[in-house]
Amino acid sequence: MSMEWDVVSVKVIGPRALMVRFFDGTAGDVRFEESRFRGVFQPLKDPDFFQKVHAIDGYVTWPGELDLAPDAMYDAIKANGVWVLV
């Protein structure tokens, strides 16, 4: 069963930005501040790796099981149209 916050599509729209669409039709941007590219998100600094994003099983994900929390993303986009990761 799909949840409203399940991501159904994701597209790279900039060097540190994505556009996502959720199961319920809500859509918006995800933007990464440069400071976010540390720890587990370090690989996203590489533009070629960042381009490998996909929507799989309701998640925004990259190779190596790197993903974003869809419920937090949904709440921020529903409220503000954008989720900024700092």
PDB file of N, CA and C in Angstrom:
ATOM      1  N   MET A   1       0.836  -1.176   0.000  1.00  0.00           N
ATOM      2  CA  MET A   1       0.000   0.000   0.000  1.00  0.00           C
ATOM      3  C   MET A   1       0.891   1.253   0.000  1.00  0.00           C
ATOM      4  N   SER A   2       0.626   2.177  -0.898  1.00  0.00           N
ATOM      5  CA  SER A   2       1.417   3.401  -0.990  1.00  0.00           C
ATOM      6  C   SER A   2       0.969   4.414   0.052  1.00  0.00           C
ATOM      7  N   MET A   3       1.934   5.158   0.556  1.00  0.00           N
ATOM      8  CA  MET A   3       1.667   6.243   1.492  1.00  0.00           C
ATOM      9  C   MET A   3       1.743   7.553   0.717  1.00  0.00           C
ATOM     10  N   GLU A   4       1.096   8.598   1.220  1.00  0.00           N
ATOM     11  CA  GLU A   4       1.107   9.887   0.512  1.00  0.00           C
ATOM     12  C   GLU A   4       2.519  10.400   0.280  1.00  0.00           C
ATOM     13  N   TRP A   5       3.452  10.074   1.203  1.00  0.00           N
ATOM     14  CA  TRP A   5       4.823  10.584   1.086  1.00  0.00           C
ATOM     15  C   TRP A   5       5.743   9.676   0.276  1.00  0.00           C
ATOM     16  N   ASP A   6       5.232   8.636  -0.330  1.00  0.00           N
ATOM     17  CA  ASP A   6       6.068   7.810  -1.206  1.00  0.00           C
ATOM     18  C   ASP A   6       6.465   8.618  -2.436  1.00  0.00           C
ATOM     19  N   VAL A   7       7.754   8.664  -2.719  1.00  0.00           N
ATOM     20  CA  VAL A   7       8.264   9.381  -3.881  1.00  0.00           C
ATOM     21  C   VAL A   7       8.047   8.515  -5.119  1.00  0.00           C
ATOM     22  N   VAL A   8       7.433   9.096  -6.148  1.00  0.00           N
ATOM     23  CA  VAL A   8       7.182   8.355  -7.389  1.00  0.00           C
ATOM     24  C   VAL A   8       8.101   8.793  -8.517  1.00  0.00           C
ATOM     25  N   SER A   9       8.691  10.000  -8.408  1.00  0.00           N
ATOM     26  CA  SER A   9       9.662  10.428  -9.418  1.00  0.00           C
ATOM     27  C   SER A   9      10.635  11.435  -8.815  1.00  0.00           C
ATOM     28  N   VAL A  10      11.833  11.426  -9.371  1.00  0.00           N
ATOM     29  CA  VAL A  10      12.871  12.366  -8.950  1.00  0.00           C
ATOM     30  C   VAL A  10      13.706  12.731 -10.167  1.00  0.00           C
ATOM     31  N   LYS A  11      14.086  14.014 -10.244  1.00  0.00           N
ATOM     32  CA  LYS A  11      14.875  14.498 -11.374  1.00  0.00           C
ATOM     33  C   LYS A  11      15.899  15.501 -10.850  1.00  0.00           C
ATOM     34  N   VAL A  12      17.121  15.397 -11.345  1.00  0.00           N
ATOM     35  CA  VAL A  12      18.148  16.376 -11.012  1.00  0.00           C
ATOM     36  C   VAL A  12      17.833  17.661 -11.763  1.00  0.00           C
ATOM     37  N   ILE A  13      17.781  18.790 -11.022  1.00  0.00           N
ATOM     38  CA  ILE A  13      17.478  20.081 -11.654  1.00  0.00           C
ATOM     39  C   ILE A  13      18.615  21.089 -11.466  1.00  0.00           C
ATOM     40  N   GLY A  14      19.686  20.661 -10.806  1.00  0.00           N
ATOM     41  CA  GLY A  14      20.828  21.539 -10.594  1.00  0.00           C
ATOM     42  C   GLY A  14      21.955  20.760  -9.952  1.00  0.00           C
ATOM     43  N   PRO A  15      23.101  21.418  -9.735  1.00  0.00           N
ATOM     44  CA  PRO A  15      24.249  20.697  -9.185  1.00  0.00           C
ATOM     45  C   PRO A  15      24.015  20.144  -7.778  1.00  0.00           C
ATOM     46  N   ARG A  16      23.115  20.766  -7.025  1.00  0.00           N
ATOM     47  CA  ARG A  16      22.800  20.275  -5.676  1.00  0.00           C
ATOM     48  C   ARG A  16      21.296  20.300  -5.441  1.00  0.00           C
ATOM     49  N   ALA A  17      20.527  20.049  -6.504  1.00  0.00           N
ATOM     50  CA  ALA A  17      19.074  20.182  -6.385  1.00  0.00           C
ATOM     51  C   ALA A  17      18.330  19.095  -7.146  1.00  0.00           C
ATOM     52  N   LEU A  18      17.201  18.699  -6.566  1.00  0.00           N
ATOM     53  CA  LEU A  18      16.329  17.681  -7.141  1.00  0.00           C
ATOM     54  C   LEU A  18      14.898  18.210  -7.178  1.00  0.00           C
ATOM     55  N   MET A  19      14.101  17.684  -8.086  1.00  0.00           N
ATOM     56  CA  MET A  19      12.665  17.897  -8.078  1.00  0.00           C
ATOM     57  C   MET A  19      12.042  16.543  -7.819  1.00  0.00           C
ATOM     58  N   VAL A  20      11.152  16.480  -6.824  1.00  0.00           N
ATOM     59  CA  VAL A  20      10.506  15.212  -6.489  1.00  0.00           C
ATOM     60  C   VAL A  20       8.991  15.352  -6.600  1.00  0.00           C
ATOM     61  N   ARG A  21       8.354  14.233  -6.903  1.00  0.00           N
ATOM     62  CA  ARG A  21       6.893  14.159  -6.925  1.00  0.00           C
ATOM     63  C   ARG A  21       6.489  12.967  -6.062  1.00  0.00           C
ATOM     64  N   PHE A  22       5.469  13.196  -5.248  1.00  0.00           N
ATOM     65  CA  PHE A  22       5.000  12.171  -4.320  1.00  0.00           C
ATOM     66  C   PHE A  22       3.737  11.486  -4.839  1.00  0.00           C
ATOM     67  N   PHE A  23       3.394  10.394  -4.219  1.00  0.00           N
ATOM     68  CA  PHE A  23       2.246   9.572  -4.596  1.00  0.00           C
ATOM     69  C   PHE A  23       0.955  10.388  -4.690  1.00  0.00           C
ATOM     70  N   ASP A  24       0.776  11.348  -3.789  1.00  0.00           N
ATOM     71  CA  ASP A  24      -0.468  12.133  -3.777  1.00  0.00           C
ATOM     72  C   ASP A  24      -0.448  13.318  -4.735  1.00  0.00           C
ATOM     73  N   GLY A  25       0.624  13.469  -5.534  1.00  0.00           N
ATOM     74  CA  GLY A  25       0.713  14.555  -6.502  1.00  0.00           C
ATOM     75  C   GLY A  25       1.496  15.762  -6.004  1.00  0.00           C
ATOM     76  N   THR A  26       1.776  15.829  -4.720  1.00  0.00           N
ATOM     77  CA  THR A  26       2.597  16.920  -4.178  1.00  0.00           C
ATOM     78  C   THR A  26       3.971  16.869  -4.835  1.00  0.00           C
ATOM     79  N   ALA A  27       4.501  18.042  -5.194  1.00  0.00           N
ATOM     80  CA  ALA A  27       5.820  18.108  -5.827  1.00  0.00           C
ATOM     81  C   ALA A  27       6.574  19.316  -5.295  1.00  0.00           C
ATOM     82  N   GLY A  28       7.899  19.218  -5.322  1.00  0.00           N
ATOM     83  CA  GLY A  28       8.729  20.332  -4.886  1.00  0.00           C
ATOM     84  C   GLY A  28      10.193  20.002  -5.040  1.00  0.00           C
ATOM     85  N   ASP A  29      11.019  20.902  -4.529  1.00  0.00           N
ATOM     86  CA  ASP A  29      12.462  20.776  -4.679  1.00  0.00           C
ATOM     87  C   ASP A  29      13.136  20.301  -3.397  1.00  0.00           C
ATOM     88  N   VAL A  30      14.238  19.612  -3.585  1.00  0.00           N
ATOM     89  CA  VAL A  30      15.150  19.250  -2.500  1.00  0.00           C
ATOM     90  C   VAL A  30      16.469  19.912  -2.841  1.00  0.00           C
ATOM     91  N   ARG A  31      16.979  20.726  -1.928  1.00  0.00           N
ATOM     92  CA  ARG A  31      18.241  21.432  -2.166  1.00  0.00           C
ATOM     93  C   ARG A  31      19.233  21.093  -1.060  1.00  0.00           C
ATOM     94  N   PHE A  32      20.446  20.776  -1.495  1.00  0.00           N
ATOM     95  CA  PHE A  32      21.527  20.455  -0.570  1.00  0.00           C
ATOM     96  C   PHE A  32      22.452  21.650  -0.432  1.00  0.00           C
ATOM     97  N   GLU A  33      22.703  22.081   0.785  1.00  0.00           N
ATOM     98  CA  GLU A  33      23.765  23.050   1.030  1.00  0.00           C
ATOM     99  C   GLU A  33      25.083  22.286   0.939  1.00  0.00           C
ATOM    100  N   GLU A  34      26.148  22.956   0.520  1.00  0.00           N
ATOM    101  CA  GLU A  34      27.462  22.315   0.390  1.00  0.00           C
ATOM    102  C   GLU A  34      27.886  21.634   1.690  1.00  0.00           C
ATOM    103  N   SER A  35      27.523  22.232   2.812  1.00  0.00           N
ATOM    104  CA  SER A  35      27.911  21.682   4.122  1.00  0.00           C
ATOM    105  C   SER A  35      27.293  20.305   4.391  1.00  0.00           C
ATOM    106  N   ARG A  36      26.248  19.940   3.664  1.00  0.00           N
ATOM    107  CA  ARG A  36      25.581  18.650   3.862  1.00  0.00           C
ATOM    108  C   ARG A  36      26.392  17.492   3.270  1.00  0.00           C
ATOM    109  N   PHE A  37      27.307  17.793   2.355  1.00  0.00           N
ATOM    110  CA  PHE A  37      28.076  16.754   1.679  1.00  0.00           C
ATOM    111  C   PHE A  37      29.239  16.273   2.537  1.00  0.00           C
ATOM    112  N   ARG A  38      28.905  15.690   3.679  1.00  0.00           N
ATOM    113  CA  ARG A  38      29.883  15.112   4.597  1.00  0.00           C
ATOM    114  C   ARG A  38      29.298  13.809   5.131  1.00  0.00           C
ATOM    115  N   GLY A  39      30.127  13.033   5.801  1.00  0.00           N
ATOM    116  CA  GLY A  39      29.638  11.765   6.349  1.00  0.00           C
ATOM    117  C   GLY A  39      29.076  10.876   5.259  1.00  0.00           C
ATOM    118  N   VAL A  40      27.907  10.311   5.511  1.00  0.00           N
ATOM    119  CA  VAL A  40      27.299   9.391   4.537  1.00  0.00           C
ATOM    120  C   VAL A  40      26.947  10.091   3.222  1.00  0.00           C
ATOM    121  N   PHE A  41      26.780  11.412   3.258  1.00  0.00           N
ATOM    122  CA  PHE A  41      26.428  12.154   2.043  1.00  0.00           C
ATOM    123  C   PHE A  41      27.642  12.625   1.246  1.00  0.00           C
ATOM    124  N   GLN A  42      28.846  12.308   1.694  1.00  0.00           N
ATOM    125  CA  GLN A  42      30.085  12.695   1.008  1.00  0.00           C
ATOM    126  C   GLN A  42      30.076  12.311  -0.477  1.00  0.00           C
ATOM    127  N   PRO A  43      29.611  11.107  -0.851  1.00  0.00           N
ATOM    128  CA  PRO A  43      29.628  10.733  -2.277  1.00  0.00           C
ATOM    129  C   PRO A  43      28.813  11.678  -3.169  1.00  0.00           C
ATOM    130  N   LEU A  44      27.831  12.382  -2.601  1.00  0.00           N
ATOM    131  CA  LEU A  44      26.979  13.262  -3.401  1.00  0.00           C
ATOM    132  C   LEU A  44      27.722  14.496  -3.896  1.00  0.00           C
ATOM    133  N   LYS A  45      28.910  14.761  -3.359  1.00  0.00           N
ATOM    134  CA  LYS A  45      29.739  15.865  -3.852  1.00  0.00           C
ATOM    135  C   LYS A  45      30.138  15.654  -5.304  1.00  0.00           C
ATOM    136  N   ASP A  46      30.271  14.400  -5.700  1.00  0.00           N
ATOM    137  CA  ASP A  46      30.647  14.049  -7.064  1.00  0.00           C
ATOM    138  C   ASP A  46      29.425  14.233  -7.975  1.00  0.00           C
ATOM    139  N   PRO A  47      29.470  15.204  -8.910  1.00  0.00           N
ATOM    140  CA  PRO A  47      28.316  15.460  -9.775  1.00  0.00           C
ATOM    141  C   PRO A  47      27.841  14.234 -10.548  1.00  0.00           C
ATOM    142  N   ASP A  48      28.775  13.373 -10.976  1.00  0.00           N
ATOM    143  CA  ASP A  48      28.377  12.162 -11.705  1.00  0.00           C
ATOM    144  C   ASP A  48      27.594  11.219 -10.799  1.00  0.00           C
ATOM    145  N   PHE A  49      28.015  11.091  -9.550  1.00  0.00           N
ATOM    146  CA  PHE A  49      27.296  10.236  -8.598  1.00  0.00           C
ATOM    147  C   PHE A  49      25.927  10.844  -8.275  1.00  0.00           C
ATOM    148  N   PHE A  50      25.875  12.157  -8.076  1.00  0.00           N
ATOM    149  CA  PHE A  50      24.611  12.830  -7.764  1.00  0.00           C
ATOM    150  C   PHE A  50      23.569  12.546  -8.844  1.00  0.00           C
ATOM    151  N   GLN A  51      24.013  12.469 -10.100  1.00  0.00           N
ATOM    152  CA  GLN A  51      23.123  12.204 -11.245  1.00  0.00           C
ATOM    153  C   GLN A  51      22.507  10.805 -11.206  1.00  0.00           C
ATOM    154  N   LYS A  52      23.049   9.899 -10.400  1.00  0.00           N
ATOM    155  CA  LYS A  52      22.575   8.506 -10.365  1.00  0.00           C
ATOM    156  C   LYS A  52      21.358   8.316  -9.465  1.00  0.00           C
ATOM    157  N   VAL A  53      20.706   9.400  -9.066  1.00  0.00           N
ATOM    158  CA  VAL A  53      19.538   9.342  -8.198  1.00  0.00           C
ATOM    159  C   VAL A  53      18.366   8.645  -8.888  1.00  0.00           C
ATOM    160  N   HIS A  54      17.573   7.914  -8.097  1.00  0.00           N
ATOM    161  CA  HIS A  54      16.372   7.229  -8.576  1.00  0.00           C
ATOM    162  C   HIS A  54      15.312   7.254  -7.497  1.00  0.00           C
ATOM    163  N   ALA A  55      14.083   7.072  -7.903  1.00  0.00           N
ATOM    164  CA  ALA A  55      12.987   6.841  -6.962  1.00  0.00           C
ATOM    165  C   ALA A  55      12.732   5.337  -6.968  1.00  0.00           C
ATOM    166  N   ILE A  56      13.008   4.701  -5.829  1.00  0.00           N
ATOM    167  CA  ILE A  56      12.838   3.257  -5.709  1.00  0.00           C
ATOM    168  C   ILE A  56      12.071   2.957  -4.424  1.00  0.00           C
ATOM    169  N   ASP A  57      10.987   2.201  -4.561  1.00  0.00           N
ATOM    170  CA  ASP A  57      10.170   1.798  -3.416  1.00  0.00           C
ATOM    171  C   ASP A  57       9.761   2.978  -2.539  1.00  0.00           C
ATOM    172  N   GLY A  58       9.492   4.136  -3.159  1.00  0.00           N
ATOM    173  CA  GLY A  58       9.020   5.304  -2.428  1.00  0.00           C
ATOM    174  C   GLY A  58      10.106   6.188  -1.860  1.00  0.00           C
ATOM    175  N   TYR A  59      11.363   5.849  -2.124  1.00  0.00           N
ATOM    176  CA  TYR A  59      12.497   6.604  -1.591  1.00  0.00           C
ATOM    177  C   TYR A  59      13.286   7.275  -2.707  1.00  0.00           C
ATOM    178  N   VAL A  60      13.911   8.419  -2.377  1.00  0.00           N
ATOM    179  CA  VAL A  60      14.938   9.023  -3.221  1.00  0.00           C
ATOM    180  C   VAL A  60      16.220   8.320  -2.816  1.00  0.00           C
ATOM    181  N   THR A  61      16.873   7.658  -3.771  1.00  0.00           N
ATOM    182  CA  THR A  61      18.008   6.817  -3.421  1.00  0.00           C
ATOM    183  C   THR A  61      19.118   6.890  -4.462  1.00  0.00           C
ATOM    184  N   TRP A  62      20.321   6.611  -3.993  1.00  0.00           N
ATOM    185  CA  TRP A  62      21.522   6.515  -4.832  1.00  0.00           C
ATOM    186  C   TRP A  62      22.145   5.152  -4.585  1.00  0.00           C
ATOM    187  N   PRO A  63      23.060   4.721  -5.456  1.00  0.00           N
ATOM    188  CA  PRO A  63      23.748   3.442  -5.235  1.00  0.00           C
ATOM    189  C   PRO A  63      24.418   3.410  -3.854  1.00  0.00           C
ATOM    190  N   GLY A  64      24.496   2.218  -3.296  1.00  0.00           N
ATOM    191  CA  GLY A  64      25.125   2.057  -1.991  1.00  0.00           C
ATOM    192  C   GLY A  64      24.158   2.286  -0.837  1.00  0.00           C
ATOM    193  N   GLU A  65      22.868   2.171  -1.118  1.00  0.00           N
ATOM    194  CA  GLU A  65      21.830   2.303  -0.100  1.00  0.00           C
ATOM    195  C   GLU A  65      21.817   3.669   0.569  1.00  0.00           C
ATOM    196  N   LEU A  66      22.182   4.699  -0.168  1.00  0.00           N
ATOM    197  CA  LEU A  66      22.119   6.069   0.318  1.00  0.00           C
ATOM    198  C   LEU A  66      20.756   6.625  -0.061  1.00  0.00           C
ATOM    199  N   ASP A  67      19.963   7.033   0.949  1.00  0.00           N
ATOM    200  CA  ASP A  67      18.630   7.545   0.639  1.00  0.00           C
ATOM    201  C   ASP A  67      18.242   8.678   1.583  1.00  0.00           C
ATOM    202  N   LEU A  68      17.106   9.290   1.272  1.00  0.00           N
ATOM    203  CA  LEU A  68      16.568  10.392   2.062  1.00  0.00           C
ATOM    204  C   LEU A  68      15.249   9.967   2.693  1.00  0.00           C
ATOM    205  N   ALA A  69      14.941  10.517   3.856  1.00  0.00           N
ATOM    206  CA  ALA A  69      13.696  10.192   4.569  1.00  0.00           C
ATOM    207  C   ALA A  69      12.503  10.818   3.837  1.00  0.00           C
ATOM    208  N   PRO A  70      11.644  10.001   3.232  1.00  0.00           N
ATOM    209  CA  PRO A  70      10.554  10.568   2.442  1.00  0.00           C
ATOM    210  C   PRO A  70       9.519  11.313   3.278  1.00  0.00           C
ATOM    211  N   ASP A  71       9.287  10.896   4.518  1.00  0.00           N
ATOM    212  CA  ASP A  71       8.268  11.564   5.325  1.00  0.00           C
ATOM    213  C   ASP A  71       8.698  12.981   5.713  1.00  0.00           C
ATOM    214  N   ALA A  72       9.958  13.170   6.110  1.00  0.00           N
ATOM    215  CA  ALA A  72      10.468  14.505   6.441  1.00  0.00           C
ATOM    216  C   ALA A  72      10.486  15.383   5.192  1.00  0.00           C
ATOM    217  N   MET A  73      10.894  14.809   4.060  1.00  0.00           N
ATOM    218  CA  MET A  73      10.920  15.527   2.795  1.00  0.00           C
ATOM    219  C   MET A  73       9.512  15.994   2.426  1.00  0.00           C
ATOM    220  N   TYR A  74       8.552  15.106   2.540  1.00  0.00           N
ATOM    221  CA  TYR A  74       7.160  15.415   2.208  1.00  0.00           C
ATOM    222  C   TYR A  74       6.633  16.556   3.076  1.00  0.00           C
ATOM    223  N   ASP A  75       6.860  16.460   4.388  1.00  0.00           N
ATOM    224  CA  ASP A  75       6.355  17.491   5.299  1.00  0.00           C
ATOM    225  C   ASP A  75       6.919  18.863   4.952  1.00  0.00           C
ATOM    226  N   ALA A  76       8.230  18.947   4.682  1.00  0.00           N
ATOM    227  CA  ALA A  76       8.862  20.227   4.353  1.00  0.00           C
ATOM    228  C   ALA A  76       8.353  20.773   3.023  1.00  0.00           C
ATOM    229  N   ILE A  77       8.224  19.903   2.027  1.00  0.00           N
ATOM    230  CA  ILE A  77       7.762  20.347   0.702  1.00  0.00           C
ATOM    231  C   ILE A  77       6.290  20.743   0.759  1.00  0.00           C
ATOM    232  N   LYS A  78       5.493  20.004   1.489  1.00  0.00           N
ATOM    233  CA  LYS A  78       4.069  20.335   1.626  1.00  0.00           C
ATOM    234  C   LYS A  78       3.919  21.717   2.267  1.00  0.00           C
ATOM    235  N   ALA A  79       4.765  22.031   3.249  1.00  0.00           N
ATOM    236  CA  ALA A  79       4.683  23.304   3.964  1.00  0.00           C
ATOM    237  C   ALA A  79       5.346  24.464   3.217  1.00  0.00           C
ATOM    238  N   ASN A  80       6.491  24.194   2.559  1.00  0.00           N
ATOM    239  CA  ASN A  80       7.307  25.274   2.007  1.00  0.00           C
ATOM    240  C   ASN A  80       7.615  25.171   0.519  1.00  0.00           C
ATOM    241  N   GLY A  81       7.286  24.039  -0.103  1.00  0.00           N
ATOM    242  CA  GLY A  81       7.607  23.844  -1.515  1.00  0.00           C
ATOM    243  C   GLY A  81       9.047  23.412  -1.746  1.00  0.00           C
ATOM    244  N   VAL A  82       9.840  23.372  -0.674  1.00  0.00           N
ATOM    245  CA  VAL A  82      11.258  23.012  -0.792  1.00  0.00           C
ATOM    246  C   VAL A  82      11.718  22.394   0.523  1.00  0.00           C
ATOM    247  N   TRP A  83      12.670  21.473   0.420  1.00  0.00           N
ATOM    248  CA  TRP A  83      13.326  20.906   1.598  1.00  0.00           C
ATOM    249  C   TRP A  83      14.816  21.195   1.432  1.00  0.00           C
ATOM    250  N   VAL A  84      15.357  22.009   2.311  1.00  0.00           N
ATOM    251  CA  VAL A  84      16.761  22.388   2.241  1.00  0.00           C
ATOM    252  C   VAL A  84      17.510  21.600   3.293  1.00  0.00           C
ATOM    253  N   LEU A  85      18.496  20.828   2.830  1.00  0.00           N
ATOM    254  CA  LEU A  85      19.339  20.030   3.725  1.00  0.00           C
ATOM    255  C   LEU A  85      20.621  20.800   4.000  1.00  0.00           C
ATOM    256  N   VAL A  86      20.792  21.198   5.246  1.00  0.00           N
ATOM    257  CA  VAL A  86      21.976  21.980   5.628  1.00  0.00           C
ATOM    258  C   VAL A  86      22.905  21.170   6.511  1.00  0.00           C
TER     259      VAL A  86
END
